[in-house]
Amino acid sequence: MFGISPIGWFHTLGSLPALAMAIYMLARHGRIVPRSVPGAIYFASMVLGGATAFLVAKQPVSYAIGGLTLLVIALGYGVHRLAFLGRARRYIEIVSLSFSVLLLLVPTVTETLTRVPDGAPIAASVSSPIVLGAHGALLLAFVVGLIAQVVVLRREGRALNAA
């Protein structure tokens, strides 16, 4: 079904909890919350998806997305331990984890549009206008969302300094 191998299904189904947790945390908190139960599920699912991307990749860009995903997840979840960065840690965490959501969504949208419905996908190729438009919309949502998160974080910082 959908031309997906067993390891491809493992990759896909293993990554789905990350998508659900990202939607939940962004809707509830406006950001990925790494030190929470949904954050732990997101982390595990993203590591699984990033690591198994190397097993299912057919294009060089897929290897880059898998490696970059593992890198930004490690940075986003580990930066709080780097005390010498001070307040910059929160910004690095937000940027890294928001970027990880983009790295999750780009291949998800691409694969969905080029595989569904089975036998007659919405898009004929990854370079079709609908796929490129979807990528543009994801990039725009990422930029707007990231700006909103940084603005909120700055306001929280100012409120703490004023108190």
N, C-alpha and C. Protein backbone atom coordinates (compact mmCIF):
# COMPACT_ATOMS: atom_id res chain seq x y z
N MET A 1 0.84 -1.18 0.00
CA MET A 1 0.00 0.00 0.00
C MET A 1 0.89 1.25 0.00
N PHE A 2 0.59 2.22 -0.86
CA PHE A 2 1.30 3.48 -1.02
C PHE A 2 2.76 3.27 -1.43
N GLY A 3 3.15 2.05 -1.78
CA GLY A 3 4.53 1.78 -2.17
C GLY A 3 5.52 1.96 -1.04
N ILE A 4 5.11 1.68 0.19
CA ILE A 4 5.97 1.85 1.36
C ILE A 4 6.46 0.49 1.84
N SER A 5 7.75 0.37 2.06
CA SER A 5 8.35 -0.86 2.56
C SER A 5 8.04 -1.04 4.05
N PRO A 6 8.27 -2.23 4.60
CA PRO A 6 8.06 -2.42 6.04
C PRO A 6 8.88 -1.45 6.90
N ILE A 7 10.13 -1.19 6.53
CA ILE A 7 10.93 -0.23 7.31
C ILE A 7 10.38 1.18 7.10
N GLY A 8 9.83 1.44 5.93
CA GLY A 8 9.18 2.72 5.67
C GLY A 8 7.96 2.92 6.56
N TRP A 9 7.20 1.84 6.76
CA TRP A 9 6.04 1.93 7.66
C TRP A 9 6.50 2.15 9.10
N PHE A 10 7.58 1.47 9.50
CA PHE A 10 8.14 1.67 10.84
C PHE A 10 8.55 3.14 11.02
N HIS A 11 9.22 3.69 10.02
CA HIS A 11 9.64 5.09 10.04
C HIS A 11 8.41 6.01 10.14
N THR A 12 7.43 5.75 9.29
CA THR A 12 6.24 6.60 9.24
C THR A 12 5.44 6.53 10.53
N LEU A 13 5.13 5.33 10.96
CA LEU A 13 4.33 5.17 12.17
C LEU A 13 5.10 5.60 13.42
N GLY A 14 6.41 5.44 13.41
CA GLY A 14 7.22 5.89 14.53
C GLY A 14 7.31 7.41 14.63
N SER A 15 7.14 8.09 13.50
CA SER A 15 7.19 9.55 13.47
C SER A 15 5.85 10.20 13.78
N LEU A 16 4.76 9.48 13.61
CA LEU A 16 3.43 10.07 13.82
C LEU A 16 3.20 10.64 15.21
N PRO A 17 3.67 10.00 16.29
CA PRO A 17 3.48 10.63 17.60
C PRO A 17 4.12 12.01 17.70
N ALA A 18 5.23 12.22 17.01
CA ALA A 18 5.86 13.55 17.04
C ALA A 18 4.93 14.59 16.43
N LEU A 19 4.27 14.23 15.36
CA LEU A 19 3.34 15.15 14.73
C LEU A 19 2.19 15.49 15.68
N ALA A 20 1.62 14.48 16.32
CA ALA A 20 0.52 14.71 17.27
C ALA A 20 0.98 15.54 18.46
N MET A 21 2.16 15.25 19.00
CA MET A 21 2.66 16.00 20.16
C MET A 21 3.01 17.44 19.78
N ALA A 22 3.55 17.65 18.58
CA ALA A 22 3.86 19.01 18.13
C ALA A 22 2.57 19.83 18.03
N ILE A 23 1.56 19.27 17.42
CA ILE A 23 0.27 19.97 17.30
C ILE A 23 -0.28 20.29 18.68
N TYR A 24 -0.25 19.31 19.57
CA TYR A 24 -0.77 19.51 20.93
C TYR A 24 -0.01 20.62 21.65
N MET A 25 1.33 20.52 21.67
CA MET A 25 2.12 21.50 22.43
C MET A 25 2.04 22.89 21.83
N LEU A 26 2.04 23.00 20.50
CA LEU A 26 1.93 24.31 19.88
C LEU A 26 0.57 24.94 20.15
N ALA A 27 -0.48 24.13 20.13
CA ALA A 27 -1.82 24.65 20.42
C ALA A 27 -1.97 25.02 21.89
N ARG A 28 -1.42 24.21 22.77
CA ARG A 28 -1.59 24.42 24.21
C ARG A 28 -0.62 25.45 24.80
N HIS A 29 0.65 25.38 24.36
CA HIS A 29 1.69 26.20 24.98
C HIS A 29 2.30 27.23 24.03
N GLY A 30 2.02 27.11 22.74
CA GLY A 30 2.61 28.01 21.77
C GLY A 30 4.05 27.67 21.43
N ARG A 31 4.53 26.55 21.92
CA ARG A 31 5.91 26.12 21.66
C ARG A 31 6.05 24.65 22.03
N ILE A 32 7.16 24.05 21.63
CA ILE A 32 7.49 22.69 22.05
C ILE A 32 8.06 22.80 23.47
N VAL A 33 7.51 22.03 24.39
CA VAL A 33 7.94 22.06 25.79
C VAL A 33 8.77 20.78 26.03
N PRO A 34 10.09 20.91 26.00
CA PRO A 34 10.93 19.71 26.06
C PRO A 34 10.85 18.93 27.37
N ARG A 35 10.71 19.63 28.50
CA ARG A 35 10.69 18.94 29.78
C ARG A 35 9.26 18.74 30.24
N SER A 36 8.56 17.89 29.48
CA SER A 36 7.17 17.52 29.77
C SER A 36 6.94 16.13 29.18
N VAL A 37 5.84 15.50 29.54
CA VAL A 37 5.53 14.18 28.98
C VAL A 37 5.35 14.26 27.46
N PRO A 38 4.52 15.20 26.96
CA PRO A 38 4.43 15.31 25.49
C PRO A 38 5.78 15.62 24.85
N GLY A 39 6.61 16.41 25.55
CA GLY A 39 7.94 16.72 25.05
C GLY A 39 8.83 15.50 24.96
N ALA A 40 8.72 14.60 25.94
CA ALA A 40 9.49 13.36 25.92
C ALA A 40 9.04 12.46 24.77
N ILE A 41 7.74 12.40 24.54
CA ILE A 41 7.21 11.60 23.43
C ILE A 41 7.68 12.20 22.11
N TYR A 42 7.62 13.52 22.00
CA TYR A 42 8.08 14.22 20.80
C TYR A 42 9.55 13.88 20.54
N PHE A 43 10.37 13.98 21.58
CA PHE A 43 11.81 13.69 21.45
C PHE A 43 12.04 12.28 20.94
N ALA A 44 11.43 11.30 21.60
CA ALA A 44 11.65 9.90 21.22
C ALA A 44 11.19 9.63 19.78
N SER A 45 10.04 10.17 19.43
CA SER A 45 9.51 9.95 18.09
C SER A 45 10.35 10.67 17.03
N MET A 46 10.84 11.85 17.34
CA MET A 46 11.68 12.58 16.38
C MET A 46 13.04 11.88 16.20
N VAL A 47 13.61 11.37 17.27
CA VAL A 47 14.87 10.64 17.15
C VAL A 47 14.65 9.37 16.32
N LEU A 48 13.56 8.67 16.58
CA LEU A 48 13.25 7.48 15.79
C LEU A 48 13.08 7.84 14.32
N GLY A 49 12.31 8.88 14.05
CA GLY A 49 12.09 9.30 12.66
C GLY A 49 13.36 9.78 11.99
N GLY A 50 14.15 10.57 12.70
CA GLY A 50 15.40 11.07 12.13
C GLY A 50 16.39 9.95 11.86
N ALA A 51 16.50 9.02 12.78
CA ALA A 51 17.44 7.91 12.61
C ALA A 51 17.00 6.96 11.49
N THR A 52 15.72 6.66 11.42
CA THR A 52 15.25 5.72 10.39
C THR A 52 15.15 6.38 9.01
N ALA A 53 15.23 7.71 8.95
CA ALA A 53 15.23 8.39 7.65
C ALA A 53 16.40 7.90 6.79
N PHE A 54 17.51 7.56 7.42
CA PHE A 54 18.67 7.07 6.69
C PHE A 54 18.40 5.71 6.05
N LEU A 55 17.48 4.96 6.61
CA LEU A 55 17.15 3.63 6.09
C LEU A 55 16.15 3.68 4.94
N VAL A 56 15.37 4.74 4.87
CA VAL A 56 14.32 4.82 3.84
C VAL A 56 14.62 5.88 2.79
N ALA A 57 15.66 6.67 2.98
CA ALA A 57 15.96 7.78 2.08
C ALA A 57 16.28 7.31 0.67
N LYS A 58 15.73 8.04 -0.30
CA LYS A 58 16.02 7.76 -1.70
C LYS A 58 16.68 8.95 -2.37
N GLN A 59 16.59 10.11 -1.75
CA GLN A 59 17.17 11.34 -2.29
C GLN A 59 18.22 11.87 -1.30
N PRO A 60 19.28 12.52 -1.80
CA PRO A 60 20.28 13.08 -0.90
C PRO A 60 19.70 14.06 0.12
N VAL A 61 18.67 14.81 -0.27
CA VAL A 61 18.07 15.77 0.66
C VAL A 61 17.45 15.05 1.87
N SER A 62 17.02 13.82 1.69
CA SER A 62 16.44 13.06 2.80
C SER A 62 17.47 12.76 3.87
N TYR A 63 18.70 12.48 3.44
CA TYR A 63 19.78 12.26 4.41
C TYR A 63 20.07 13.54 5.17
N ALA A 64 20.07 14.65 4.45
CA ALA A 64 20.31 15.95 5.09
C ALA A 64 19.22 16.27 6.10
N ILE A 65 17.96 16.03 5.74
CA ILE A 65 16.86 16.30 6.66
C ILE A 65 16.95 15.41 7.89
N GLY A 66 17.27 14.13 7.70
CA GLY A 66 17.42 13.21 8.84
C GLY A 66 18.53 13.64 9.78
N GLY A 67 19.68 13.97 9.21
CA GLY A 67 20.81 14.40 10.04
C GLY A 67 20.56 15.72 10.74
N LEU A 68 19.98 16.67 10.00
CA LEU A 68 19.66 17.97 10.58
C LEU A 68 18.62 17.84 11.69
N THR A 69 17.66 16.96 11.49
CA THR A 69 16.65 16.71 12.52
C THR A 69 17.30 16.23 13.81
N LEU A 70 18.19 15.26 13.70
CA LEU A 70 18.87 14.75 14.90
C LEU A 70 19.70 15.84 15.56
N LEU A 71 20.33 16.68 14.76
CA LEU A 71 21.15 17.76 15.30
C LEU A 71 20.32 18.79 16.04
N VAL A 72 19.23 19.27 15.43
CA VAL A 72 18.44 20.33 16.09
C VAL A 72 17.66 19.79 17.29
N ILE A 73 17.28 18.52 17.26
CA ILE A 73 16.62 17.91 18.43
C ILE A 73 17.62 17.85 19.58
N ALA A 74 18.84 17.39 19.30
CA ALA A 74 19.86 17.32 20.35
C ALA A 74 20.15 18.72 20.91
N LEU A 75 20.24 19.70 20.04
CA LEU A 75 20.49 21.07 20.49
C LEU A 75 19.32 21.60 21.31
N GLY A 76 18.12 21.44 20.80
CA GLY A 76 16.93 21.96 21.49
C GLY A 76 16.70 21.34 22.85
N TYR A 77 16.99 20.05 22.97
CA TYR A 77 16.76 19.36 24.24
C TYR A 77 17.96 19.45 25.18
N GLY A 78 19.14 19.79 24.65
CA GLY A 78 20.32 19.83 25.50
C GLY A 78 20.82 21.20 25.87
N VAL A 79 20.34 22.24 25.19
CA VAL A 79 20.87 23.58 25.40
C VAL A 79 20.64 24.10 26.81
N HIS A 80 19.61 23.64 27.49
CA HIS A 80 19.36 24.13 28.85
C HIS A 80 20.50 23.79 29.80
N ARG A 81 21.34 22.83 29.43
CA ARG A 81 22.46 22.43 30.28
C ARG A 81 23.69 23.34 30.10
N LEU A 82 23.64 24.21 29.11
CA LEU A 82 24.78 25.07 28.80
C LEU A 82 24.60 26.42 29.49
N ALA A 83 24.90 26.45 30.78
CA ALA A 83 24.64 27.63 31.62
C ALA A 83 25.36 28.87 31.12
N PHE A 84 26.52 28.71 30.50
CA PHE A 84 27.27 29.88 30.06
C PHE A 84 26.54 30.69 28.98
N LEU A 85 25.51 30.11 28.37
CA LEU A 85 24.74 30.83 27.35
C LEU A 85 23.70 31.77 27.95
N GLY A 86 23.44 31.62 29.24
CA GLY A 86 22.50 32.50 29.93
C GLY A 86 21.11 32.48 29.32
N ARG A 87 20.53 33.68 29.14
CA ARG A 87 19.16 33.77 28.62
C ARG A 87 19.05 33.33 27.16
N ALA A 88 20.16 33.27 26.47
CA ALA A 88 20.14 32.84 25.06
C ALA A 88 19.68 31.39 24.94
N ARG A 89 19.81 30.63 26.02
CA ARG A 89 19.39 29.21 25.98
C ARG A 89 17.94 29.07 25.58
N ARG A 90 17.07 29.91 26.13
CA ARG A 90 15.63 29.83 25.80
C ARG A 90 15.38 30.09 24.33
N TYR A 91 16.08 31.08 23.78
CA TYR A 91 15.92 31.42 22.37
C TYR A 91 16.43 30.28 21.48
N ILE A 92 17.58 29.74 21.82
CA ILE A 92 18.14 28.62 21.05
C ILE A 92 17.20 27.42 21.11
N GLU A 93 16.65 27.16 22.29
CA GLU A 93 15.70 26.05 22.45
C GLU A 93 14.48 26.26 21.54
N ILE A 94 13.91 27.45 21.59
CA ILE A 94 12.70 27.71 20.80
C ILE A 94 12.98 27.64 19.30
N VAL A 95 14.08 28.23 18.86
CA VAL A 95 14.41 28.20 17.44
C VAL A 95 14.68 26.76 16.99
N SER A 96 15.47 26.03 17.76
CA SER A 96 15.81 24.65 17.39
C SER A 96 14.58 23.76 17.32
N LEU A 97 13.75 23.81 18.34
CA LEU A 97 12.60 22.93 18.37
C LEU A 97 11.53 23.34 17.36
N SER A 98 11.39 24.63 17.11
CA SER A 98 10.47 25.07 16.06
C SER A 98 10.97 24.60 14.69
N PHE A 99 12.27 24.69 14.48
CA PHE A 99 12.85 24.23 13.22
C PHE A 99 12.66 22.71 13.08
N SER A 100 12.72 21.99 14.19
CA SER A 100 12.51 20.54 14.12
C SER A 100 11.09 20.21 13.65
N VAL A 101 10.13 21.04 14.03
CA VAL A 101 8.75 20.84 13.56
C VAL A 101 8.69 21.05 12.05
N LEU A 102 9.37 22.07 11.55
CA LEU A 102 9.42 22.29 10.11
C LEU A 102 10.05 21.08 9.41
N LEU A 103 11.13 20.58 9.99
CA LEU A 103 11.80 19.41 9.40
C LEU A 103 10.91 18.16 9.44
N LEU A 104 10.00 18.10 10.37
CA LEU A 104 9.03 17.01 10.43
C LEU A 104 7.95 17.20 9.36
N LEU A 105 7.48 18.43 9.22
CA LEU A 105 6.34 18.68 8.33
C LEU A 105 6.68 18.66 6.85
N VAL A 106 7.86 19.12 6.47
CA VAL A 106 8.18 19.17 5.04
C VAL A 106 8.13 17.78 4.40
N PRO A 107 8.83 16.77 4.93
CA PRO A 107 8.71 15.45 4.31
C PRO A 107 7.33 14.82 4.49
N THR A 108 6.67 15.12 5.61
CA THR A 108 5.33 14.57 5.83
C THR A 108 4.37 15.07 4.76
N VAL A 109 4.37 16.36 4.51
CA VAL A 109 3.49 16.94 3.50
C VAL A 109 3.88 16.43 2.11
N THR A 110 5.17 16.41 1.84
CA THR A 110 5.65 15.95 0.53
C THR A 110 5.21 14.51 0.27
N GLU A 111 5.46 13.64 1.22
CA GLU A 111 5.11 12.23 1.04
C GLU A 111 3.60 12.04 0.94
N THR A 112 2.85 12.78 1.73
CA THR A 112 1.39 12.66 1.68
C THR A 112 0.86 13.09 0.31
N LEU A 113 1.32 14.24 -0.16
CA LEU A 113 0.82 14.75 -1.44
C LEU A 113 1.24 13.89 -2.63
N THR A 114 2.40 13.23 -2.54
CA THR A 114 2.86 12.42 -3.66
C THR A 114 2.48 10.94 -3.55
N ARG A 115 1.78 10.56 -2.48
CA ARG A 115 1.37 9.15 -2.31
C ARG A 115 -0.13 8.94 -2.11
N VAL A 116 -0.84 9.98 -1.73
CA VAL A 116 -2.26 9.83 -1.36
C VAL A 116 -3.13 10.59 -2.35
N PRO A 117 -4.23 10.03 -2.78
CA PRO A 117 -4.71 8.67 -2.54
C PRO A 117 -3.88 7.64 -3.32
N ASP A 118 -3.86 6.46 -2.80
CA ASP A 118 -3.07 5.37 -3.37
C ASP A 118 -3.46 5.16 -4.84
N GLY A 119 -2.46 5.19 -5.70
CA GLY A 119 -2.70 4.97 -7.12
C GLY A 119 -2.99 6.22 -7.92
N ALA A 120 -3.42 7.29 -7.30
CA ALA A 120 -3.72 8.55 -7.98
C ALA A 120 -3.40 9.72 -7.05
N PRO A 121 -2.11 9.90 -6.72
CA PRO A 121 -1.75 10.93 -5.73
C PRO A 121 -2.12 12.34 -6.20
N ILE A 122 -2.27 13.21 -5.22
CA ILE A 122 -2.63 14.61 -5.47
C ILE A 122 -1.56 15.28 -6.33
N ALA A 123 -0.28 15.02 -6.05
CA ALA A 123 0.82 15.61 -6.80
C ALA A 123 1.60 14.51 -7.52
N ALA A 124 2.00 14.81 -8.74
CA ALA A 124 2.73 13.82 -9.53
C ALA A 124 4.19 13.69 -9.11
N SER A 125 4.77 14.79 -8.59
CA SER A 125 6.17 14.75 -8.19
C SER A 125 6.44 15.78 -7.10
N VAL A 126 7.63 15.71 -6.54
CA VAL A 126 8.00 16.65 -5.48
C VAL A 126 8.19 18.07 -6.02
N SER A 127 8.30 18.21 -7.33
CA SER A 127 8.47 19.54 -7.92
C SER A 127 7.17 20.10 -8.48
N SER A 128 6.05 19.44 -8.19
CA SER A 128 4.77 19.93 -8.68
C SER A 128 4.38 21.22 -7.93
N PRO A 129 3.59 22.07 -8.57
CA PRO A 129 3.22 23.34 -7.94
C PRO A 129 2.53 23.19 -6.59
N ILE A 130 1.72 22.16 -6.43
CA ILE A 130 1.02 22.01 -5.14
C ILE A 130 2.00 21.67 -4.02
N VAL A 131 3.01 20.87 -4.31
CA VAL A 131 4.01 20.53 -3.30
C VAL A 131 4.86 21.77 -2.98
N LEU A 132 5.29 22.47 -4.01
CA LEU A 132 6.09 23.68 -3.79
C LEU A 132 5.28 24.74 -3.04
N GLY A 133 4.00 24.86 -3.36
CA GLY A 133 3.14 25.80 -2.64
C GLY A 133 2.98 25.41 -1.18
N ALA A 134 2.83 24.11 -0.94
CA ALA A 134 2.71 23.63 0.44
C ALA A 134 4.00 23.91 1.21
N HIS A 135 5.14 23.71 0.56
CA HIS A 135 6.42 24.01 1.22
C HIS A 135 6.53 25.49 1.53
N GLY A 136 6.09 26.33 0.61
CA GLY A 136 6.10 27.77 0.85
C GLY A 136 5.21 28.15 2.03
N ALA A 137 4.03 27.53 2.10
CA ALA A 137 3.11 27.80 3.21
C ALA A 137 3.71 27.35 4.54
N LEU A 138 4.38 26.20 4.54
CA LEU A 138 5.04 25.73 5.76
C LEU A 138 6.14 26.69 6.19
N LEU A 139 6.92 27.16 5.24
CA LEU A 139 7.99 28.10 5.57
C LEU A 139 7.43 29.40 6.13
N LEU A 140 6.36 29.89 5.53
CA LEU A 140 5.72 31.11 6.03
C LEU A 140 5.18 30.90 7.44
N ALA A 141 4.51 29.78 7.67
CA ALA A 141 3.99 29.48 9.01
C ALA A 141 5.13 29.36 10.02
N PHE A 142 6.24 28.77 9.62
CA PHE A 142 7.40 28.65 10.50
C PHE A 142 7.93 30.03 10.89
N VAL A 143 8.11 30.90 9.91
CA VAL A 143 8.66 32.24 10.17
C VAL A 143 7.71 33.04 11.07
N VAL A 144 6.42 33.04 10.74
CA VAL A 144 5.44 33.78 11.55
C VAL A 144 5.38 33.20 12.96
N GLY A 145 5.33 31.87 13.07
CA GLY A 145 5.28 31.23 14.38
C GLY A 145 6.52 31.50 15.21
N LEU A 146 7.67 31.47 14.57
CA LEU A 146 8.91 31.73 15.29
C LEU A 146 8.97 33.17 15.78
N ILE A 147 8.55 34.10 14.95
CA ILE A 147 8.52 35.51 15.38
C ILE A 147 7.59 35.66 16.58
N ALA A 148 6.42 35.04 16.52
CA ALA A 148 5.47 35.13 17.64
C ALA A 148 6.07 34.53 18.91
N GLN A 149 6.76 33.40 18.80
CA GLN A 149 7.37 32.78 19.98
C GLN A 149 8.45 33.67 20.58
N VAL A 150 9.26 34.29 19.75
CA VAL A 150 10.33 35.16 20.24
C VAL A 150 9.73 36.40 20.91
N VAL A 151 8.68 36.95 20.33
CA VAL A 151 8.02 38.12 20.93
C VAL A 151 7.48 37.76 22.31
N VAL A 152 6.82 36.62 22.42
CA VAL A 152 6.28 36.19 23.72
C VAL A 152 7.42 35.97 24.72
N LEU A 153 8.48 35.34 24.29
CA LEU A 153 9.61 35.09 25.18
C LEU A 153 10.24 36.41 25.65
N ARG A 154 10.37 37.38 24.77
CA ARG A 154 10.92 38.68 25.15
C ARG A 154 10.00 39.37 26.16
N ARG A 155 8.69 39.30 25.93
CA ARG A 155 7.75 39.92 26.88
C ARG A 155 7.83 39.25 28.25
N GLU A 156 7.95 37.92 28.26
CA GLU A 156 8.09 37.21 29.54
C GLU A 156 9.36 37.66 30.25
N GLY A 157 10.45 37.82 29.51
CA GLY A 157 11.71 38.27 30.08
C GLY A 157 11.62 39.67 30.66
N ARG A 158 10.93 40.55 29.94
CA ARG A 158 10.75 41.91 30.44
C ARG A 158 9.87 41.93 31.68
N ALA A 159 8.84 41.10 31.71
CA ALA A 159 7.96 41.03 32.88
C ALA A 159 8.73 40.53 34.10
N LEU A 160 9.62 39.57 33.90
CA LEU A 160 10.43 39.06 35.01
C LEU A 160 11.41 40.12 35.49
N ASN A 161 11.98 40.86 34.57
CA ASN A 161 12.93 41.92 34.95
C ASN A 161 12.23 43.07 35.70
N ALA A 162 11.00 43.34 35.33
CA ALA A 162 10.24 44.43 35.97
C ALA A 162 9.76 44.05 37.37
N ALA A 163 9.58 42.76 37.60
CA ALA A 163 9.03 42.31 38.90
C ALA A 163 10.05 42.29 39.99
